[in-house]
């Protein structure tokens, strides 16, 4: 009977030890899960910020492209006006020399 009691105690000690190890492992897994969720949320926030930055840069780029196109049109118009003005001067000079 003493040996049965000692065996039962040993078996209980082993089961208790396994339960403690299991609880430690479960707790560690929960902590890792929480940490992973926190890291994921940080990345989500960072991604939203980067997305907002990209949207802002795209809008700015489109605005600048519009300004460049307008400036190009103005340059073309000024070039055409300058060409017409130069022709007019040449015509006036020819008329004065004739």
Protein backbone atom coordinates (compact mmCIF):
# COMPACT_ATOMS: atom_id res chain seq x y z
CA UNK A 1 0.00 0.00 0.00
CA UNK A 2 2.88 2.34 0.79
CA UNK A 3 4.38 1.70 -2.61
CA UNK A 4 0.99 2.35 -4.27
CA UNK A 5 0.72 5.62 -2.34
CA UNK A 6 4.27 6.58 -3.37
CA UNK A 7 3.46 5.72 -7.00
CA UNK A 8 0.28 7.75 -6.86
CA UNK A 9 2.16 10.68 -5.34
CA UNK A 10 4.84 10.44 -8.02
CA UNK A 11 2.20 10.23 -10.75
CA UNK A 12 0.38 13.22 -9.22
CA UNK A 13 3.66 15.19 -9.04
CA UNK A 14 4.37 14.42 -12.70
CA UNK A 15 0.84 15.39 -13.76
CA UNK A 16 1.07 18.59 -11.71
CA UNK A 17 4.47 19.37 -13.23
CA UNK A 18 3.06 18.85 -16.74
CA UNK A 19 0.10 21.10 -15.91
CA UNK A 20 2.44 23.84 -14.73
CA UNK A 21 4.56 23.48 -17.88
CA UNK A 22 1.41 23.53 -19.99
CA UNK A 23 0.15 26.66 -18.22
CA UNK A 24 3.52 28.38 -18.73
CA UNK A 25 3.48 27.45 -22.42
CA UNK A 26 -0.14 28.64 -22.80
CA UNK A 27 0.65 31.91 -21.06
CA UNK A 28 3.71 32.44 -23.25
CA UNK A 29 1.65 31.70 -26.36
CA UNK A 30 -1.01 34.20 -25.25
CA UNK A 31 1.64 36.86 -24.68
CA UNK A 32 3.13 36.19 -28.11
CA UNK A 33 -0.35 36.42 -29.62
CA UNK A 34 -1.01 39.75 -27.88
CA UNK A 35 2.37 41.06 -29.02
CA UNK A 36 1.68 39.95 -32.59
CA UNK A 37 -1.71 41.72 -32.53
CA UNK A 38 -0.11 44.89 -31.17
CA UNK A 39 2.60 44.74 -33.84
CA UNK A 40 -0.05 44.20 -36.50
CA UNK A 41 -2.03 47.23 -35.33
CA UNK A 42 1.13 49.36 -35.36
CA UNK A 43 1.77 48.24 -38.94
CA UNK A 44 -1.84 49.00 -39.91
CA UNK A 45 -1.52 52.53 -38.54
CA UNK A 46 1.81 52.98 -40.31
CA UNK A 47 0.33 51.69 -43.58
CA UNK A 48 -2.62 54.08 -43.30
CA UNK A 49 -0.17 56.92 -42.73
CA UNK A 50 1.90 55.88 -45.73
CA UNK A 51 -1.24 55.57 -47.84
CA UNK A 52 -2.27 59.09 -46.83
CA UNK A 53 1.22 60.35 -47.70
CA UNK A 54 1.06 58.67 -51.12
CA UNK A 55 -2.38 60.19 -51.79
CA UNK A 56 -1.09 63.63 -50.81
CA UNK A 57 1.98 63.26 -53.02
CA UNK A 58 -0.18 62.11 -55.95
CA UNK A 59 -2.45 65.15 -55.56
CA UNK A 60 0.57 67.44 -55.37
CA UNK A 61 2.08 65.80 -58.44
CA UNK A 62 -1.15 66.25 -60.40
CA UNK A 63 -1.29 69.91 -59.36
CA UNK A 64 2.32 70.43 -60.43
CA UNK A 65 1.70 68.68 -63.74
CA UNK A 66 -1.21 71.06 -64.33
CA UNK A 67 1.00 74.04 -63.56
CA UNK A 68 3.72 72.74 -65.89
CA UNK A 69 1.17 72.23 -68.66
CA UNK A 70 -0.14 75.76 -68.15
CA UNK A 71 3.39 77.15 -68.20
CA UNK A 72 4.12 75.20 -71.39
CA UNK A 73 0.98 76.62 -73.00
CA UNK A 74 1.99 80.13 -71.95
CA UNK A 75 5.46 79.63 -73.40
CA UNK A 76 3.97 78.44 -76.68
CA UNK A 77 1.61 81.43 -76.75
CA UNK A 78 4.45 83.84 -75.99
CA UNK A 79 6.63 82.22 -78.66
CA UNK A 80 3.82 82.55 -81.20
CA UNK A 81 3.22 86.17 -80.18
CA UNK A 82 6.95 86.92 -80.38
CA UNK A 83 7.10 85.32 -83.82
CA UNK A 84 4.14 87.39 -84.98
CA UNK A 85 5.70 90.51 -83.51
CA UNK A 86 9.00 89.80 -85.26
CA UNK A 87 7.14 89.35 -88.57
CA UNK A 88 5.33 92.64 -88.00
CA UNK A 89 8.62 94.44 -87.35
CA UNK A 90 10.13 92.96 -90.50
CA UNK A 91 7.08 94.05 -92.50
CA UNK A 92 7.33 97.55 -91.03
CA UNK A 93 11.07 97.69 -91.80
CA UNK A 94 10.43 96.56 -95.39
CA UNK A 95 7.66 99.13 -95.75
CA UNK A 96 9.97 101.85 -94.43
CA UNK A 97 12.84 100.86 -96.72
CA UNK A 98 10.65 100.70 -99.81
